[in-house]
Every structure is written in C-alpha cells, then in structure tokens.
Amino acid sequence: MRTGWSAVAVASLALVAYAGSAAAGNKPPPENWDGLTEVKAKSMDVGYVMPGADFSQYRRVMLDKTMVAFRKDWMRNMNDTSNLSRRITDEDAAKIMETAQKAFEEAFQKAFTEAGYEVVNIAAPDVLRVSTAVVNLYINAPDTMSAGRSRTYTTNAGEATLVLEVRDGPTNALLGRVIDRRETLGLSGLSNRVTNTADFQQLFGQWAKICAKGLDHLKAISPIPANLKPKQKLQ
C-alpha cells in the first residue's frame, strides 16, 4: 500500500538541512546525511547514496504518494493585490496541489514503466521504494478561472524543488536521496491554467526520466564502493 509519510519526512529534512542553508548562500549541503554520502550528481543539484549499496537486484518500483507543498510566501504574494479576480483561495490552492500531485505521479509512473520497471504496490526483495515530494512550489501567475480575468504573460510558469528518496522494499532501508530545484521552461509565454499545467507537466516529466535513467546507472555500477568518498563521481 502506498503511503506519504516518507515523502513528508524527506521534504522536512530537505527544507531544514539544505534549502535553508542554500538560501543563506554560505553553507554547502552536508557531505554525509543519514548514513548517505554525497556524490557528484550528473543531472541533479545534490545527490546522496549509501556506501556499499547494491541496486542490481531491483527490477520493480513502488511509488509512494507524492507530497506537494507551496513555498511559504506564495499565497501571500499572490493575494497582495487589489484585483479581487486574481486572489487565491484555500480551495484554489488545494485544487492546484491536487493537479500537481496527479501530474507528477503520472509522469513518474510513465517514465519508470517506459524504462522497463514494473510499478507495484507491494514490498519484495526486487522492489525499490521511491518516495517523492515537490516542495517550494511557486506559480508565477495562477489562473483561477475567475470572471473578468485578463491575459497574463510571464517568462516562465514558475519553479519547484524535487526531493526524492529510494529505499529497499522489504526493509525500508534508506539507499539514496536527491534534491533538485528547477524553473519551468516557459515555452508559451502566456500564463493560464492550460499553459501552467503543460509547463509543469514538462518539468515533472524531465525529472521522472532523469530518475529512471539514474536507477539504470546505479544498477549498472553496483555495488556502490563501500569506501565511497564525499563528492566522488560514480562510474
């Protein structure tokens, strides 16, 4: 059965231990974190892996329910306007989070399936549990479909930070963690419900493909060196 507890824990840890220090601009991420060692992440901002871990056994994945959280000041910033048609209600925010969660989970299920992994809901020796969170979600010009709305143009739809953990299915042992902040590409320039959804779907799909490819790489090079050094490149 899929749960969201791990993703919540991951997001909380990431925000406290990494996002906050990154915002300060003078404190790098830790070299060792929860028994994991930082490695050179090819396509992510920060990556960690368990020294000695063997990913070669995993042929299936279990995807936990994704947690979605806005950036702390997002709703306040959006509602700092005299234009009542642009204001965001709690119901609007809940709908946006639900849409983002669905799009993210669909993107990851598709990417892992296309990469040859069966997506299951059971823990077994060949199952890797994947817990995800989309945190610090910031949508520059959300479209609430209010009456009297006008066209809005932005450089991009917004940004978000991916936090992902992988664990052994039967034991729940932590094996890896990645964190990555990205902006959407802003392909259309026009911001509305349709374009915002499309832009974030593209971002989520990009993350999903990177993660599926990353698992392939970890399987190919397993076992991970037991004497792994901080910021070592995995080859």
C-alpha atoms as a PDB file:
ATOM      1  CA  MET A   1       0.000   0.000   0.000  1.00  0.00           C
ATOM      2  CA  ARG A   2       1.315   3.420  -0.940  1.00  0.00           C
ATOM      3  CA  THR A   3       1.756   5.988   1.812  1.00  0.00           C
ATOM      4  CA  GLY A   4       3.028   9.540   2.016  1.00  0.00           C
ATOM      5  CA  TRP A   5       4.855   9.509   5.339  1.00  0.00           C
ATOM      6  CA  SER A   6       8.311   9.105   3.863  1.00  0.00           C
ATOM      7  CA  ALA A   7       7.880  11.968   1.426  1.00  0.00           C
ATOM      8  CA  VAL A   8       6.809  14.239   4.264  1.00  0.00           C
ATOM      9  CA  ALA A   9       9.919  13.318   6.226  1.00  0.00           C
ATOM     10  CA  VAL A  10      12.114  13.826   3.194  1.00  0.00           C
ATOM     11  CA  ALA A  11      10.691  17.253   2.458  1.00  0.00           C
ATOM     12  CA  SER A  12      11.064  18.400   6.049  1.00  0.00           C
ATOM     13  CA  LEU A  13      14.666  17.260   6.198  1.00  0.00           C
ATOM     14  CA  ALA A  14      15.485  18.836   2.882  1.00  0.00           C
ATOM     15  CA  LEU A  15      13.994  22.198   3.743  1.00  0.00           C
ATOM     16  CA  VAL A  16      15.760  22.377   7.088  1.00  0.00           C
ATOM     17  CA  ALA A  17      19.122  20.911   6.156  1.00  0.00           C
ATOM     18  CA  TYR A  18      19.525  22.101   2.588  1.00  0.00           C
ATOM     19  CA  ALA A  19      17.033  24.633   1.277  1.00  0.00           C
ATOM     20  CA  GLY A  20      17.514  26.950   4.230  1.00  0.00           C
ATOM     21  CA  SER A  21      21.278  26.862   4.050  1.00  0.00           C
ATOM     22  CA  ALA A  22      21.227  27.315   0.292  1.00  0.00           C
ATOM     23  CA  ALA A  23      19.078  30.423   0.685  1.00  0.00           C
ATOM     24  CA  ALA A  24      21.688  31.847   3.034  1.00  0.00           C
ATOM     25  CA  GLY A  25      24.251  31.348   0.297  1.00  0.00           C
ATOM     26  CA  ASN A  26      27.136  30.490   2.592  1.00  0.00           C
ATOM     27  CA  LYS A  27      26.584  26.957   3.785  1.00  0.00           C
ATOM     28  CA  PRO A  28      27.028  23.970   1.427  1.00  0.00           C
ATOM     29  CA  PRO A  29      24.979  20.783   1.786  1.00  0.00           C
ATOM     30  CA  PRO A  30      26.407  18.215   4.227  1.00  0.00           C
ATOM     31  CA  GLU A  31      28.853  15.644   2.858  1.00  0.00           C
ATOM     32  CA  ASN A  32      27.202  12.914   4.944  1.00  0.00           C
ATOM     33  CA  TRP A  33      23.485  12.762   5.692  1.00  0.00           C
ATOM     34  CA  ASP A  34      21.560   9.984   7.447  1.00  0.00           C
ATOM     35  CA  GLY A  35      24.310   7.484   6.623  1.00  0.00           C
ATOM     36  CA  LEU A  36      24.408   8.563   2.973  1.00  0.00           C
ATOM     37  CA  THR A  37      27.451  10.080   1.267  1.00  0.00           C
ATOM     38  CA  GLU A  38      27.255  12.999  -1.139  1.00  0.00           C
ATOM     39  CA  VAL A  39      28.242  12.138  -4.713  1.00  0.00           C
ATOM     40  CA  LYS A  40      28.689  14.187  -7.857  1.00  0.00           C
ATOM     41  CA  ALA A  41      25.189  14.303  -9.277  1.00  0.00           C
ATOM     42  CA  LYS A  42      25.228  14.499 -13.065  1.00  0.00           C
ATOM     43  CA  SER A  43      21.748  15.934 -13.558  1.00  0.00           C
ATOM     44  CA  MET A  44      20.605  16.985 -10.083  1.00  0.00           C
ATOM     45  CA  ASP A  45      21.701  19.734  -7.712  1.00  0.00           C
ATOM     46  CA  VAL A  46      22.567  17.346  -4.883  1.00  0.00           C
ATOM     47  CA  GLY A  47      22.795  13.551  -4.713  1.00  0.00           C
ATOM     48  CA  TYR A  48      23.469  11.084  -1.904  1.00  0.00           C
ATOM     49  CA  VAL A  49      23.918   7.310  -1.882  1.00  0.00           C
ATOM     50  CA  MET A  50      24.558   4.597   0.685  1.00  0.00           C
ATOM     51  CA  PRO A  51      28.146   3.284   0.507  1.00  0.00           C
ATOM     52  CA  GLY A  52      28.127  -0.404  -0.390  1.00  0.00           C
ATOM     53  CA  ALA A  53      24.504  -0.381  -1.623  1.00  0.00           C
ATOM     54  CA  ASP A  54      23.633  -2.861  -4.367  1.00  0.00           C
ATOM     55  CA  PHE A  55      20.906  -1.692  -6.745  1.00  0.00           C
ATOM     56  CA  SER A  56      21.293  -4.549  -9.223  1.00  0.00           C
ATOM     57  CA  GLN A  57      18.515  -6.609  -7.577  1.00  0.00           C
ATOM     58  CA  TYR A  58      15.751  -4.071  -8.213  1.00  0.00           C
ATOM     59  CA  ARG A  59      13.506  -4.796 -11.180  1.00  0.00           C
ATOM     60  CA  ARG A  60      10.296  -3.251  -9.867  1.00  0.00           C
ATOM     61  CA  VAL A  61       9.436   0.015  -8.130  1.00  0.00           C
ATOM     62  CA  MET A  62       6.840   1.088  -5.591  1.00  0.00           C
ATOM     63  CA  LEU A  63       5.891   4.748  -5.891  1.00  0.00           C
ATOM     64  CA  ASP A  64       4.711   6.406  -2.688  1.00  0.00           C
ATOM     65  CA  LYS A  65       2.087   9.128  -2.837  1.00  0.00           C
ATOM     66  CA  THR A  66       3.777  12.422  -3.705  1.00  0.00           C
ATOM     67  CA  MET A  67       3.619  15.292  -1.250  1.00  0.00           C
ATOM     68  CA  VAL A  68       3.156  18.783  -2.726  1.00  0.00           C
ATOM     69  CA  ALA A  69       3.852  21.973  -0.785  1.00  0.00           C
ATOM     70  CA  PHE A  70       3.859  25.607  -1.895  1.00  0.00           C
ATOM     71  CA  ARG A  71       6.635  27.985  -0.982  1.00  0.00           C
ATOM     72  CA  LYS A  72       5.801  29.566   2.352  1.00  0.00           C
ATOM     73  CA  ASP A  73       5.166  33.063   0.977  1.00  0.00           C
ATOM     74  CA  TRP A  74       3.436  32.060  -2.277  1.00  0.00           C
ATOM     75  CA  MET A  75      -0.208  32.572  -1.324  1.00  0.00           C
ATOM     76  CA  ARG A  76       0.540  35.823   0.492  1.00  0.00           C
ATOM     77  CA  ASN A  77       2.377  37.187  -2.553  1.00  0.00           C
ATOM     78  CA  MET A  78      -0.396  36.145  -4.913  1.00  0.00           C
ATOM     79  CA  ASN A  79      -3.027  37.859  -2.749  1.00  0.00           C
ATOM     80  CA  ASP A  80      -1.048  41.080  -2.327  1.00  0.00           C
ATOM     81  CA  THR A  81      -3.172  42.775  -4.964  1.00  0.00           C
ATOM     82  CA  SER A  82      -6.250  44.950  -5.178  1.00  0.00           C
ATOM     83  CA  ASN A  83      -7.543  42.870  -8.091  1.00  0.00           C
ATOM     84  CA  LEU A  84     -10.008  40.531  -6.397  1.00  0.00           C
ATOM     85  CA  SER A  85     -10.288  38.357  -9.529  1.00  0.00           C
ATOM     86  CA  ARG A  86      -6.613  37.389  -9.127  1.00  0.00           C
ATOM     87  CA  ARG A  87      -6.803  36.385  -5.474  1.00  0.00           C
ATOM     88  CA  ILE A  88      -6.152  32.758  -4.462  1.00  0.00           C
ATOM     89  CA  THR A  89      -8.489  30.999  -2.065  1.00  0.00           C
ATOM     90  CA  ASP A  90      -7.727  27.941   0.032  1.00  0.00           C
ATOM     91  CA  GLU A  91      -9.903  25.959  -2.374  1.00  0.00           C
ATOM     92  CA  ASP A  92      -7.893  27.245  -5.345  1.00  0.00           C
ATOM     93  CA  ALA A  93      -4.636  26.229  -3.648  1.00  0.00           C
ATOM     94  CA  ALA A  94      -5.978  22.765  -2.841  1.00  0.00           C
ATOM     95  CA  LYS A  95      -7.028  22.215  -6.464  1.00  0.00           C
ATOM     96  CA  ILE A  96      -3.615  23.320  -7.729  1.00  0.00           C
ATOM     97  CA  MET A  97      -1.848  20.926  -5.353  1.00  0.00           C
ATOM     98  CA  GLU A  98      -4.134  18.075  -6.395  1.00  0.00           C
ATOM     99  CA  THR A  99      -3.454  18.767 -10.076  1.00  0.00           C
ATOM    100  CA  ALA A 100       0.295  18.964  -9.485  1.00  0.00           C
ATOM    101  CA  GLN A 101       0.302  15.735  -7.488  1.00  0.00           C
ATOM    102  CA  LYS A 102      -1.605  13.852 -10.183  1.00  0.00           C
ATOM    103  CA  ALA A 103       0.625  15.159 -12.975  1.00  0.00           C
ATOM    104  CA  PHE A 104       3.788  14.307 -11.048  1.00  0.00           C
ATOM    105  CA  GLU A 105       2.698  10.758 -10.203  1.00  0.00           C
ATOM    106  CA  GLU A 106       1.597  10.104 -13.784  1.00  0.00           C
ATOM    107  CA  ALA A 107       4.957  11.346 -15.087  1.00  0.00           C
ATOM    108  CA  PHE A 108       6.936   9.057 -12.770  1.00  0.00           C
ATOM    109  CA  GLN A 109       4.776   6.012 -13.443  1.00  0.00           C
ATOM    110  CA  LYS A 110       5.164   6.569 -17.187  1.00  0.00           C
ATOM    111  CA  ALA A 111       8.933   7.121 -17.028  1.00  0.00           C
ATOM    112  CA  PHE A 112       9.670   4.029 -14.933  1.00  0.00           C
ATOM    113  CA  THR A 113       7.300   1.877 -16.998  1.00  0.00           C
ATOM    114  CA  GLU A 114       8.931   3.009 -20.242  1.00  0.00           C
ATOM    115  CA  ALA A 115      12.337   2.287 -18.694  1.00  0.00           C
ATOM    116  CA  GLY A 116      11.269  -1.328 -18.174  1.00  0.00           C
ATOM    117  CA  TYR A 117      10.320  -1.293 -14.484  1.00  0.00           C
ATOM    118  CA  GLU A 118       7.039  -2.754 -13.294  1.00  0.00           C
ATOM    119  CA  VAL A 119       5.244  -0.376 -10.924  1.00  0.00           C
ATOM    120  CA  VAL A 120       3.779  -2.310  -7.977  1.00  0.00           C
ATOM    121  CA  ASN A 121       2.146  -1.707  -4.602  1.00  0.00           C
ATOM    122  CA  ILE A 122       3.921  -4.435  -2.641  1.00  0.00           C
ATOM    123  CA  ALA A 123       7.292  -4.699  -0.919  1.00  0.00           C
ATOM    124  CA  ALA A 124       9.524  -7.521  -2.163  1.00  0.00           C
ATOM    125  CA  PRO A 125      13.276  -8.202  -2.456  1.00  0.00           C
ATOM    126  CA  ASP A 126      13.322  -6.905  -6.066  1.00  0.00           C
ATOM    127  CA  VAL A 127      11.226  -3.798  -5.301  1.00  0.00           C
ATOM    128  CA  LEU A 128      12.722  -0.345  -4.787  1.00  0.00           C
ATOM    129  CA  ARG A 129      10.518   2.063  -2.862  1.00  0.00           C
ATOM    130  CA  VAL A 130      10.523   5.596  -4.278  1.00  0.00           C
ATOM    131  CA  SER A 131       9.273   8.456  -2.091  1.00  0.00           C
ATOM    132  CA  THR A 132       8.888  11.898  -3.623  1.00  0.00           C
ATOM    133  CA  ALA A 133       7.943  15.438  -2.676  1.00  0.00           C
ATOM    134  CA  VAL A 134       7.504  18.592  -4.726  1.00  0.00           C
ATOM    135  CA  VAL A 135       8.290  21.438  -2.337  1.00  0.00           C
ATOM    136  CA  ASN A 136       8.666  25.204  -2.611  1.00  0.00           C
ATOM    137  CA  LEU A 137       6.184  25.140  -5.499  1.00  0.00           C
ATOM    138  CA  TYR A 138       5.768  28.682  -6.817  1.00  0.00           C
ATOM    139  CA  ILE A 139       3.397  29.505  -9.674  1.00  0.00           C
ATOM    140  CA  ASN A 140       4.019  32.992 -11.020  1.00  0.00           C
ATOM    141  CA  ALA A 141       0.563  33.689 -12.440  1.00  0.00           C
ATOM    142  CA  PRO A 142      -2.016  31.092 -11.376  1.00  0.00           C
ATOM    143  CA  ASP A 143      -5.273  31.114 -13.312  1.00  0.00           C
ATOM    144  CA  THR A 144      -8.286  30.689 -11.022  1.00  0.00           C
ATOM    145  CA  MET A 145     -10.802  30.913 -13.894  1.00  0.00           C
ATOM    146  CA  SER A 146     -12.404  33.917 -12.218  1.00  0.00           C
ATOM    147  CA  ALA A 147     -14.803  36.176 -14.109  1.00  0.00           C
ATOM    148  CA  GLY A 148     -13.174  39.209 -15.665  1.00  0.00           C
ATOM    149  CA  ARG A 149      -9.696  37.672 -15.759  1.00  0.00           C
ATOM    150  CA  SER A 150      -7.217  39.146 -18.233  1.00  0.00           C
ATOM    151  CA  ARG A 151      -4.347  37.670 -20.222  1.00  0.00           C
ATOM    152  CA  THR A 152      -1.099  37.299 -18.294  1.00  0.00           C
ATOM    153  CA  TYR A 153       2.374  36.847 -19.786  1.00  0.00           C
ATOM    154  CA  THR A 154       5.366  35.561 -17.818  1.00  0.00           C
ATOM    155  CA  THR A 155       8.923  34.432 -18.515  1.00  0.00           C
ATOM    156  CA  ASN A 156       8.038  31.026 -17.085  1.00  0.00           C
ATOM    157  CA  ALA A 157       5.168  29.367 -15.238  1.00  0.00           C
ATOM    158  CA  GLY A 158       7.129  29.026 -12.010  1.00  0.00           C
ATOM    159  CA  GLU A 159       9.522  26.783 -10.113  1.00  0.00           C
ATOM    160  CA  ALA A 160       9.648  23.861  -7.704  1.00  0.00           C
ATOM    161  CA  THR A 161      12.112  21.654  -5.860  1.00  0.00           C
ATOM    162  CA  LEU A 162      12.158  17.891  -6.177  1.00  0.00           C
ATOM    163  CA  VAL A 163      13.075  15.804  -3.144  1.00  0.00           C
ATOM    164  CA  LEU A 164      13.356  12.054  -3.753  1.00  0.00           C
ATOM    165  CA  GLU A 165      14.356   9.127  -1.553  1.00  0.00           C
ATOM    166  CA  VAL A 166      14.857   5.499  -2.532  1.00  0.00           C
ATOM    167  CA  ARG A 167      14.592   2.662  -0.022  1.00  0.00           C
ATOM    168  CA  ASP A 168      14.796  -1.111  -0.031  1.00  0.00           C
ATOM    169  CA  GLY A 169      11.273  -2.533  -0.352  1.00  0.00           C
ATOM    170  CA  PRO A 170      11.261  -5.181   2.402  1.00  0.00           C
ATOM    171  CA  THR A 171      13.440  -3.402   4.990  1.00  0.00           C
ATOM    172  CA  ASN A 172      12.723   0.270   4.178  1.00  0.00           C
ATOM    173  CA  ALA A 173      16.472   0.888   4.499  1.00  0.00           C
ATOM    174  CA  LEU A 174      17.455   4.268   3.086  1.00  0.00           C
ATOM    175  CA  LEU A 175      19.661   3.895  -0.011  1.00  0.00           C
ATOM    176  CA  GLY A 176      19.711   7.287  -1.714  1.00  0.00           C
ATOM    177  CA  ARG A 177      18.408  10.827  -1.864  1.00  0.00           C
ATOM    178  CA  VAL A 178      18.415  13.627  -4.450  1.00  0.00           C
ATOM    179  CA  ILE A 179      17.345  17.267  -4.365  1.00  0.00           C
ATOM    180  CA  ASP A 180      16.906  19.481  -7.406  1.00  0.00           C
ATOM    181  CA  ARG A 181      15.412  22.945  -7.915  1.00  0.00           C
ATOM    182  CA  ARG A 182      14.242  23.963 -11.376  1.00  0.00           C
ATOM    183  CA  GLU A 183      12.194  26.574 -13.162  1.00  0.00           C
ATOM    184  CA  THR A 184       9.755  25.676 -15.913  1.00  0.00           C
ATOM    185  CA  LEU A 185      10.852  26.451 -19.455  1.00  0.00           C
ATOM    186  CA  GLY A 186       8.040  28.902 -20.153  1.00  0.00           C
ATOM    187  CA  LEU A 187       7.505  27.685 -23.699  1.00  0.00           C
ATOM    188  CA  SER A 188       4.349  29.679 -24.416  1.00  0.00           C
ATOM    189  CA  GLY A 189       4.865  32.992 -22.597  1.00  0.00           C
ATOM    190  CA  LEU A 190       1.134  33.157 -21.897  1.00  0.00           C
ATOM    191  CA  SER A 191       0.117  32.039 -18.402  1.00  0.00           C
ATOM    192  CA  ASN A 192      -3.227  30.375 -17.801  1.00  0.00           C
ATOM    193  CA  ARG A 193      -4.467  27.110 -16.346  1.00  0.00           C
ATOM    194  CA  VAL A 194      -3.691  25.167 -19.538  1.00  0.00           C
ATOM    195  CA  THR A 195      -0.209  26.561 -20.130  1.00  0.00           C
ATOM    196  CA  ASN A 196       0.776  26.356 -16.453  1.00  0.00           C
ATOM    197  CA  THR A 197      -0.265  22.705 -16.345  1.00  0.00           C
ATOM    198  CA  ALA A 198       1.618  21.933 -19.561  1.00  0.00           C
ATOM    199  CA  ASP A 199       4.788  23.664 -18.364  1.00  0.00           C
ATOM    200  CA  PHE A 200       4.824  21.842 -15.030  1.00  0.00           C
ATOM    201  CA  GLN A 201       3.997  18.537 -16.726  1.00  0.00           C
ATOM    202  CA  GLN A 202       7.092  19.066 -18.859  1.00  0.00           C
ATOM    203  CA  LEU A 203       9.181  19.749 -15.756  1.00  0.00           C
ATOM    204  CA  PHE A 204       7.828  16.706 -13.921  1.00  0.00           C
ATOM    205  CA  GLY A 205       8.434  14.530 -16.965  1.00  0.00           C
ATOM    206  CA  GLN A 206      12.010  15.744 -17.169  1.00  0.00           C
ATOM    207  CA  TRP A 207      12.621  14.868 -13.524  1.00  0.00           C
ATOM    208  CA  ALA A 208      10.979  11.456 -13.960  1.00  0.00           C
ATOM    209  CA  LYS A 209      13.146  10.494 -16.935  1.00  0.00           C
ATOM    210  CA  ILE A 210      16.297  11.589 -15.113  1.00  0.00           C
ATOM    211  CA  CYS A 211      15.371   9.478 -12.080  1.00  0.00           C
ATOM    212  CA  ALA A 212      14.545   6.376 -14.133  1.00  0.00           C
ATOM    213  CA  LYS A 213      17.809   6.744 -16.039  1.00  0.00           C
ATOM    214  CA  GLY A 214      19.625   7.309 -12.742  1.00  0.00           C
ATOM    215  CA  LEU A 215      18.349   3.986 -11.398  1.00  0.00           C
ATOM    216  CA  ASP A 216      19.604   2.264 -14.548  1.00  0.00           C
ATOM    217  CA  HIS A 217      23.029   3.781 -13.907  1.00  0.00           C
ATOM    218  CA  LEU A 218      23.093   2.734 -10.250  1.00  0.00           C
ATOM    219  CA  LYS A 219      22.155  -0.820 -11.250  1.00  0.00           C
ATOM    220  CA  ALA A 220      24.924  -0.915 -13.850  1.00  0.00           C
ATOM    221  CA  ILE A 221      27.670   0.199 -11.466  1.00  0.00           C
ATOM    222  CA  SER A 222      26.503  -1.708  -8.367  1.00  0.00           C
ATOM    223  CA  PRO A 223      27.638  -2.463  -5.820  1.00  0.00           C
ATOM    224  CA  ILE A 224      28.467   1.098  -4.782  1.00  0.00           C
ATOM    225  CA  PRO A 225      32.012   1.295  -3.333  1.00  0.00           C
ATOM    226  CA  ALA A 226      31.988   0.682   0.403  1.00  0.00           C
ATOM    227  CA  ASN A 227      34.765   3.267   0.810  1.00  0.00           C
ATOM    228  CA  LEU A 228      32.836   5.969  -1.046  1.00  0.00           C
ATOM    229  CA  LYS A 229      34.364   9.423  -0.626  1.00  0.00           C
ATOM    230  CA  PRO A 230      32.292  12.622  -0.413  1.00  0.00           C
ATOM    231  CA  LYS A 231      31.615  14.169  -3.850  1.00  0.00           C
ATOM    232  CA  GLN A 232      33.050  11.131  -5.605  1.00  0.00           C
ATOM    233  CA  LYS A 233      31.874  10.576  -9.169  1.00  0.00           C
ATOM    234  CA  LEU A 234      30.137   7.241  -9.653  1.00  0.00           C
ATOM    235  CA  GLN A 235      31.321   5.475 -12.802  1.00  0.00           C
END
